[in-house]
Protein backbone atom coordinates (compact mmCIF):
# COMPACT_ATOMS: atom_id res chain seq x y z
CA MET A 1 0.00 0.00 0.00
CA VAL A 2 1.45 3.37 -1.04
CA ASP A 3 1.80 5.90 1.76
CA THR A 4 0.11 9.01 0.33
CA LYS A 5 1.95 11.20 2.81
CA LYS A 6 5.12 10.49 0.85
CA ILE A 7 3.90 12.20 -2.31
CA ASN A 8 6.56 14.82 -2.82
CA ILE A 9 6.08 17.10 -5.83
CA LYS A 10 9.31 19.06 -5.71
CA ASN A 11 8.88 21.02 -8.93
CA LEU A 12 6.54 21.91 -11.74
CA TYR A 13 7.47 22.29 -15.40
CA ILE A 14 4.82 24.72 -16.67
CA GLU A 15 4.38 25.70 -20.31
CA ILE A 16 2.56 28.98 -19.74
CA THR A 17 2.09 29.56 -23.49
CA ASP A 18 2.53 27.63 -26.74
CA LYS A 19 3.35 30.78 -28.71
CA CYS A 20 6.98 31.17 -29.81
CA ASN A 21 8.84 33.55 -32.09
CA PHE A 22 11.40 30.85 -32.97
CA ASN A 23 10.67 27.85 -35.15
CA CYS A 24 13.13 25.20 -33.97
CA ILE A 25 12.85 22.19 -36.24
CA TYR A 26 13.08 19.79 -33.29
CA CYS A 27 10.57 21.50 -30.93
CA TYR A 28 9.10 18.76 -28.74
CA ASN A 29 5.70 20.45 -28.36
CA ASP A 30 5.43 22.07 -31.80
CA SER A 31 5.41 25.68 -30.55
CA SER A 32 5.30 28.47 -33.14
CA SER A 33 4.19 32.02 -33.87
CA LYS A 34 0.91 30.58 -35.16
CA LYS A 35 -0.07 29.31 -31.70
CA SER A 36 -1.88 31.51 -29.17
CA GLU A 37 -2.79 29.42 -26.12
CA SER A 38 -1.81 30.92 -22.75
CA LEU A 39 -2.54 29.70 -19.23
CA SER A 40 -5.00 31.67 -17.13
CA VAL A 41 -3.21 33.42 -14.27
CA GLU A 42 -6.11 32.64 -11.92
CA ALA A 43 -5.98 28.91 -12.75
CA TYR A 44 -2.20 29.03 -12.39
CA LYS A 45 -2.43 30.49 -8.90
CA ASN A 46 -5.10 28.00 -7.81
CA PHE A 47 -2.97 25.07 -8.96
CA ILE A 48 0.13 26.40 -7.20
CA GLU A 49 -1.94 26.53 -3.99
CA ILE A 50 -2.88 22.87 -4.45
CA VAL A 51 0.60 21.59 -5.20
CA LYS A 52 2.24 23.66 -2.44
CA LYS A 53 0.64 21.14 -0.04
CA TYR A 54 2.86 18.46 -1.59
CA ASN A 55 6.15 20.22 -0.71
CA LEU A 56 6.54 22.24 -3.90
CA GLU A 57 9.84 24.16 -4.02
CA ASP A 58 10.64 25.02 -7.65
CA VAL A 59 8.77 26.21 -10.71
CA ILE A 60 10.28 25.88 -14.19
CA ILE A 61 8.56 28.41 -16.44
CA SER A 62 8.57 27.33 -20.06
CA GLY A 63 6.61 27.59 -23.30
CA GLY A 64 6.65 28.19 -26.25
CA GLU A 65 8.57 31.28 -25.35
CA PRO A 66 7.30 32.18 -21.85
CA THR A 67 8.18 35.87 -22.10
CA LEU A 68 5.40 36.16 -24.70
CA HIS A 69 2.76 35.47 -22.04
CA PRO A 70 0.74 38.71 -21.61
CA GLN A 71 0.72 38.44 -17.79
CA LEU A 72 4.23 37.18 -17.14
CA SER A 73 4.85 39.69 -14.33
CA GLU A 74 1.84 38.36 -12.44
CA ILE A 75 3.15 34.81 -12.75
CA PHE A 76 6.53 35.92 -11.38
CA GLU A 77 4.72 37.60 -8.48
CA ILE A 78 2.61 34.52 -7.67
CA ASN A 79 5.67 32.29 -7.53
CA HIS A 80 7.58 34.84 -5.47
CA ASN A 81 4.75 35.22 -2.95
CA PHE A 82 4.63 31.44 -2.48
CA GLY A 83 8.36 31.42 -1.78
CA LEU A 84 9.19 29.32 -4.86
CA LYS A 85 12.45 29.25 -6.76
CA GLN A 86 11.86 30.29 -10.37
CA ASN A 87 13.72 29.11 -13.44
CA LEU A 88 12.87 30.73 -16.77
CA ILE A 89 13.47 28.63 -19.88
CA THR A 90 13.80 31.25 -22.58
CA ASN A 91 15.34 31.93 -25.96
CA GLY A 92 16.28 35.38 -24.68
CA THR A 93 13.56 37.36 -26.42
CA GLY A 94 12.13 39.00 -23.30
CA ILE A 95 15.42 39.73 -21.56
CA SER A 96 16.30 43.42 -21.87
CA THR A 97 17.50 46.33 -19.78
CA ASP A 98 13.81 47.14 -19.15
CA THR A 99 12.69 43.68 -17.99
CA LEU A 100 15.83 42.50 -16.21
CA PRO A 101 15.38 44.50 -12.95
CA GLU A 102 12.10 42.71 -12.18
CA MET A 103 13.64 39.32 -12.99
CA ILE A 104 16.54 40.06 -10.67
CA ALA A 105 14.18 41.23 -7.91
CA LYS A 106 12.17 38.01 -8.20
CA ASN A 107 15.42 36.01 -7.98
CA LEU A 108 14.97 34.20 -11.30
CA SER A 109 17.49 31.81 -12.76
CA PHE A 110 17.68 31.26 -16.51
CA SER A 111 17.93 28.25 -18.80
CA ILE A 112 18.91 29.18 -22.33
CA THR A 113 19.56 27.02 -25.39
CA ILE A 114 22.14 27.77 -28.04
CA ASP A 115 22.96 25.15 -30.66
CA GLY A 116 26.00 26.49 -32.47
CA HIS A 117 29.18 28.53 -32.16
CA ASP A 118 27.90 31.10 -34.67
CA ALA A 119 24.73 32.19 -36.42
CA ALA A 120 25.14 29.86 -39.40
CA SER A 121 25.35 26.78 -37.18
CA ASN A 122 22.74 27.79 -34.60
CA ASP A 123 20.14 29.21 -36.97
CA LEU A 124 20.18 26.02 -39.04
CA MET A 125 18.08 24.37 -36.33
CA ARG A 126 16.52 27.29 -34.47
CA GLY A 127 15.58 29.71 -37.23
CA LYS A 128 16.85 32.92 -38.83
CA ASN A 129 18.20 35.58 -36.44
CA SER A 130 17.80 33.27 -33.42
CA TYR A 131 21.53 33.33 -32.61
CA SER A 132 21.77 37.11 -32.28
CA ILE A 133 18.70 37.29 -30.01
CA THR A 134 19.96 34.55 -27.70
CA ALA A 135 23.60 35.66 -27.68
CA ASN A 136 22.64 39.25 -26.81
CA ALA A 137 20.50 38.04 -23.90
CA ILE A 138 23.35 35.89 -22.56
CA LYS A 139 25.79 38.78 -22.75
CA LEU A 140 23.35 41.09 -20.95
CA LEU A 141 22.85 38.59 -18.12
CA VAL A 142 26.60 38.09 -17.71
CA LYS A 143 27.21 41.85 -17.84
CA ASN A 144 24.82 42.26 -14.93
CA GLY A 145 26.69 39.72 -12.83
CA LEU A 146 24.22 36.86 -13.32
CA SER A 147 26.52 34.24 -14.84
CA ASP A 148 25.91 32.01 -11.81
CA ARG A 149 22.16 32.09 -12.56
CA VAL A 150 22.55 31.17 -16.23
CA GLY A 151 22.45 27.54 -17.36
CA LEU A 152 23.23 26.91 -21.03
CA ARG A 153 22.01 23.89 -22.94
CA CYS A 154 23.09 22.68 -26.36
CA ASN A 155 21.03 20.12 -28.28
CA LEU A 156 23.35 17.85 -30.25
CA HIS A 157 22.50 16.62 -33.73
CA PHE A 158 24.38 15.51 -36.84
CA GLY A 159 24.98 19.11 -37.88
CA ASN A 160 26.75 20.33 -34.73
CA TYR A 161 28.18 17.49 -32.65
CA LYS A 162 31.63 17.98 -34.19
CA GLU A 163 31.55 21.67 -33.16
CA ILE A 164 31.51 21.06 -29.39
CA TYR A 165 34.95 22.55 -28.82
CA SER A 166 34.07 25.68 -30.80
CA ILE A 167 30.72 26.03 -29.00
CA VAL A 168 32.37 25.85 -25.57
CA SER A 169 35.02 28.34 -26.69
CA THR A 170 32.35 30.81 -27.82
CA LEU A 171 30.34 30.44 -24.59
CA ASN A 172 33.50 30.86 -22.56
CA ASP A 173 34.16 34.14 -24.35
CA MET A 174 30.62 35.25 -23.42
CA GLY A 175 31.35 34.59 -19.75
CA VAL A 176 29.16 31.50 -19.39
CA THR A 177 30.28 29.13 -16.62
CA ASN A 178 28.15 26.03 -17.30
CA VAL A 179 26.87 24.26 -20.41
CA GLU A 180 25.02 20.96 -20.72
CA PHE A 181 25.09 18.97 -23.96
CA ILE A 182 22.11 16.70 -24.53
CA LEU A 183 20.69 14.53 -27.30
CA LEU A 184 17.41 15.30 -29.01
CA LEU A 185 14.49 13.03 -28.13
CA ASN A 186 12.22 11.49 -30.73
CA MET A 187 9.34 13.82 -29.87
CA GLY A 188 7.34 16.58 -31.54
CA ARG A 189 8.94 18.00 -34.68
CA ALA A 190 12.09 15.96 -34.00
CA THR A 191 10.25 12.92 -35.37
CA ASP A 192 10.70 14.46 -38.81
CA ILE A 193 14.50 14.56 -38.64
CA GLU A 194 17.24 12.01 -38.08
CA ILE A 195 18.53 12.21 -34.53
CA ILE A 196 21.63 10.76 -32.90
CA ASP A 197 20.56 7.35 -31.62
CA PRO A 198 22.55 6.15 -28.56
CA VAL A 199 22.38 2.54 -29.74
CA LYS A 200 22.98 2.98 -33.46
CA HIS A 201 25.59 5.68 -33.04
CA ALA A 202 27.60 4.53 -30.01
CA ASN A 203 30.80 5.70 -31.72
CA ILE A 204 29.40 9.23 -31.92
CA LEU A 205 28.56 9.18 -28.20
CA LYS A 206 32.17 8.31 -27.45
CA GLU A 207 33.38 11.17 -29.68
CA ILE A 208 31.00 13.56 -27.91
CA GLU A 209 32.21 12.47 -24.47
CA ASP A 210 35.86 12.93 -25.50
CA ASN A 211 35.27 16.38 -26.99
CA VAL A 212 33.27 17.58 -23.97
CA ALA A 213 36.04 16.38 -21.65
CA LYS A 214 38.73 18.16 -23.72
CA ALA A 215 36.71 21.40 -23.81
CA THR A 216 36.23 21.30 -20.04
CA LEU A 217 39.97 20.98 -19.52
CA ASP A 218 40.88 23.75 -21.95
CA PHE A 219 38.33 26.41 -20.95
CA ASN A 220 37.10 27.98 -17.73
CA ILE A 221 33.65 26.47 -18.16
CA ASN A 222 32.01 23.35 -16.77
CA SER A 223 30.85 21.25 -19.75
CA THR A 224 28.79 18.10 -19.26
CA PHE A 225 27.23 15.57 -21.59
CA LEU A 226 23.95 14.43 -20.12
CA TYR A 227 23.10 11.02 -21.43
CA LYS A 228 22.15 8.14 -19.22
CA PRO A 229 19.33 5.75 -20.11
CA SER A 230 16.51 5.56 -17.60
CA MET A 231 16.43 2.50 -15.36
CA GLY A 232 12.90 3.15 -14.18
CA CYS A 233 10.42 5.72 -12.94
CA PRO A 234 10.20 7.57 -9.60
CA TYR A 235 6.46 6.88 -9.55
CA GLU A 236 7.10 3.16 -9.05
CA SER A 237 7.48 3.64 -5.30
CA LEU A 238 6.71 7.33 -4.68
CA ASP A 239 9.73 7.59 -2.40
CA LYS A 240 11.46 10.02 -4.76
CA GLU A 241 10.89 13.64 -5.74
CA LEU A 242 8.31 14.08 -8.49
CA SER A 243 8.11 16.70 -11.22
CA LEU A 244 4.82 17.38 -12.99
CA ARG A 245 4.43 18.91 -16.43
CA ILE A 246 1.56 21.29 -17.26
CA ASP A 247 1.03 22.18 -20.90
CA SER A 248 -0.35 25.46 -22.24
CA GLN A 249 -3.92 24.10 -22.17
CA GLY A 250 -3.62 23.18 -18.51
CA ASN A 251 -3.23 19.43 -18.96
CA ILE A 252 -1.17 17.80 -16.21
CA PHE A 253 1.31 15.01 -17.02
CA PRO A 254 3.56 12.92 -14.73
CA CYS A 255 6.79 14.32 -16.18
CA GLN A 256 8.25 16.70 -18.74
CA THR A 257 8.64 14.11 -21.50
CA ILE A 258 5.14 12.61 -21.41
CA ASP A 259 2.65 14.16 -23.81
CA ASP A 260 0.06 11.42 -24.15
CA SER A 261 -3.55 11.91 -23.06
CA ARG A 262 -3.68 8.32 -21.77
CA PHE A 263 -1.43 9.41 -18.91
CA SER A 264 -2.98 12.78 -18.12
CA LEU A 265 -3.36 13.44 -14.39
CA GLY A 266 -6.09 16.01 -14.98
CA ASN A 267 -6.26 19.69 -15.83
CA ILE A 268 -5.44 22.71 -13.69
CA TYR A 269 -8.73 24.36 -14.65
CA TRP A 270 -10.76 21.81 -12.70
CA ILE A 271 -8.45 19.57 -10.66
CA SER A 272 -8.80 19.27 -6.88
CA SER A 273 -6.10 18.27 -4.42
CA GLU A 274 -7.83 14.94 -3.81
CA SER A 275 -8.22 14.20 -7.53
CA LEU A 276 -4.59 15.01 -8.19
CA LYS A 277 -3.48 12.69 -5.38
CA ASN A 278 -5.69 9.84 -6.62
CA ASN A 279 -4.51 10.21 -10.21
CA ILE A 280 -0.87 10.19 -9.10
CA LEU A 281 -1.53 7.01 -7.11
CA ASP A 282 -3.19 5.40 -10.15
CA PHE A 283 -0.17 6.21 -12.31
CA SER A 284 2.12 4.90 -9.59
CA THR A 285 0.21 1.60 -9.55
CA TYR A 286 0.53 1.36 -13.34
CA THR A 287 4.28 2.01 -13.37
CA ALA A 288 4.89 -0.43 -10.49
CA SER A 289 3.27 -3.27 -12.45
CA ARG A 290 4.45 -2.17 -15.89
CA GLN A 291 7.52 -4.38 -16.22
CA SER A 292 5.47 -7.51 -15.59
CA LYS A 293 3.46 -6.64 -18.72
CA MET A 294 6.52 -6.14 -20.95
CA ALA A 295 7.20 -9.39 -22.81
CA HIS A 296 10.84 -8.62 -23.61
CA CYS A 297 11.53 -7.92 -19.92
CA GLN A 298 10.25 -11.33 -18.86
CA ARG A 299 12.84 -13.02 -21.09
CA CYS A 300 15.71 -10.86 -19.81
CA VAL A 301 18.19 -12.14 -17.20
CA TYR A 302 18.67 -8.58 -15.92
CA LYS A 303 14.99 -7.90 -15.18
CA SER A 304 15.45 -7.98 -11.40
CA ALA A 305 18.11 -5.24 -11.62
CA CYS A 306 16.43 -3.13 -14.30
CA GLU A 307 12.95 -1.65 -14.11
CA GLY A 308 12.41 -1.63 -17.86
CA SER A 309 13.16 2.04 -18.52
CA CYS A 310 10.18 4.40 -18.19
CA VAL A 311 6.88 5.26 -19.81
CA ALA A 312 8.21 8.53 -21.26
CA THR A 313 11.18 7.09 -23.17
CA SER A 314 9.19 4.11 -24.41
CA LEU A 315 6.55 6.47 -25.76
CA ALA A 316 9.21 8.68 -27.36
CA TYR A 317 11.03 5.83 -29.11
CA CYS A 318 8.21 3.56 -30.22
CA GLY A 319 4.88 5.10 -29.21
CA ASP A 320 4.13 2.17 -26.90
CA PRO A 321 4.40 2.54 -23.09
CA LEU A 322 5.18 -1.18 -22.92
CA GLY A 323 7.68 -1.12 -25.76
CA ILE A 324 11.47 -1.16 -25.86
CA ASP A 325 12.84 2.36 -25.53
CA GLY A 326 15.97 1.74 -27.59
CA ALA A 327 18.51 1.70 -24.76
CA CYS A 328 18.19 -1.87 -23.48
CA SER A 329 21.63 -2.83 -24.78
CA ILE A 330 23.22 0.15 -23.00
CA ARG A 331 21.55 -0.73 -19.71
CA LYS A 332 22.58 -4.39 -20.04
CA ALA A 333 26.17 -3.42 -20.73
CA GLY A 334 26.21 -1.13 -17.71
CA LEU A 335 24.67 -3.76 -15.44
CA LYS A 336 27.10 -6.42 -16.68
CA LYS A 337 30.04 -4.10 -16.01
CA MET A 338 28.74 -3.37 -12.51
CA ILE A 339 28.26 -7.08 -11.72
CA LEU A 340 31.77 -7.97 -12.94
CA LYS A 341 33.26 -5.12 -10.91
CA LYS A 342 31.55 -6.38 -7.76
CA ALA A 343 32.69 -9.94 -8.48
CA ARG A 344 36.32 -8.87 -8.85
CA SER A 345 36.26 -6.88 -5.61
CA ALA A 346 34.60 -9.67 -3.60
């Protein structure tokens, strides 16, 4: 029996609008300038009040481009009044000498994506003039002493993974102190392009790791390559911190990478605290029994050590929550290595 008192929703990933002035060809939720959905501030506040009861600490404000929300200042104020840490995921559009003082006063941190060392490389994936907008925002934040509040992310694809050293060099010149390199997921508009597959392109992963390590040594910037296949889901036991995703229409999902109505936990426009709790418990029950329903897991000698990845990655790779997510071979290799290491040290 799951102890409901242990439900611990540490953060929310909230897409306050689906409107965006960029047109990134890999956008996971298909945001664009043609979209116009924005969350109601009243519904936003009511939902924050509900989730605060479950130990909420952080709010990640996303979109679309969140600075295009017509009542962004009110959202900042709501979060601030509830004592929440705020992280703004932005392309830099709304960061200016006029808006920055309020962002500083509300103690925002910033997550910004840049996908190339120059405009030609970056704009290939993120659209014309995107590099100049983002680069200017980064420079303004650093100029105002906020480098420690800026987290840079770079999405790796076949067009830029060989440019890692140049990208780190450019960001170092801008005064950035941290950059995370990640792989694109097979979601949204990224399903229309070829992405780097960890299984099919293991040699590329090794090249990426080597180049990130070299760049970290050569520049005054912490560079990391974030790729590690999921072993399971925190909902399987509810003894871990949870992170809910809310899309621009108010739909609530168990995590940032689930966008499937079958796993909706409700909608912020009508959800109650009790309904949210019950829906979380239902999803927890599903994930806890999921591996027993996955045929390929039952035939695997590692099934007791591996939880069969997670719903999100299985959906992203094959559209089936009970399907293989594409990283089984990587998990098996890692488990085998761990077992052999333990055997040698015994």
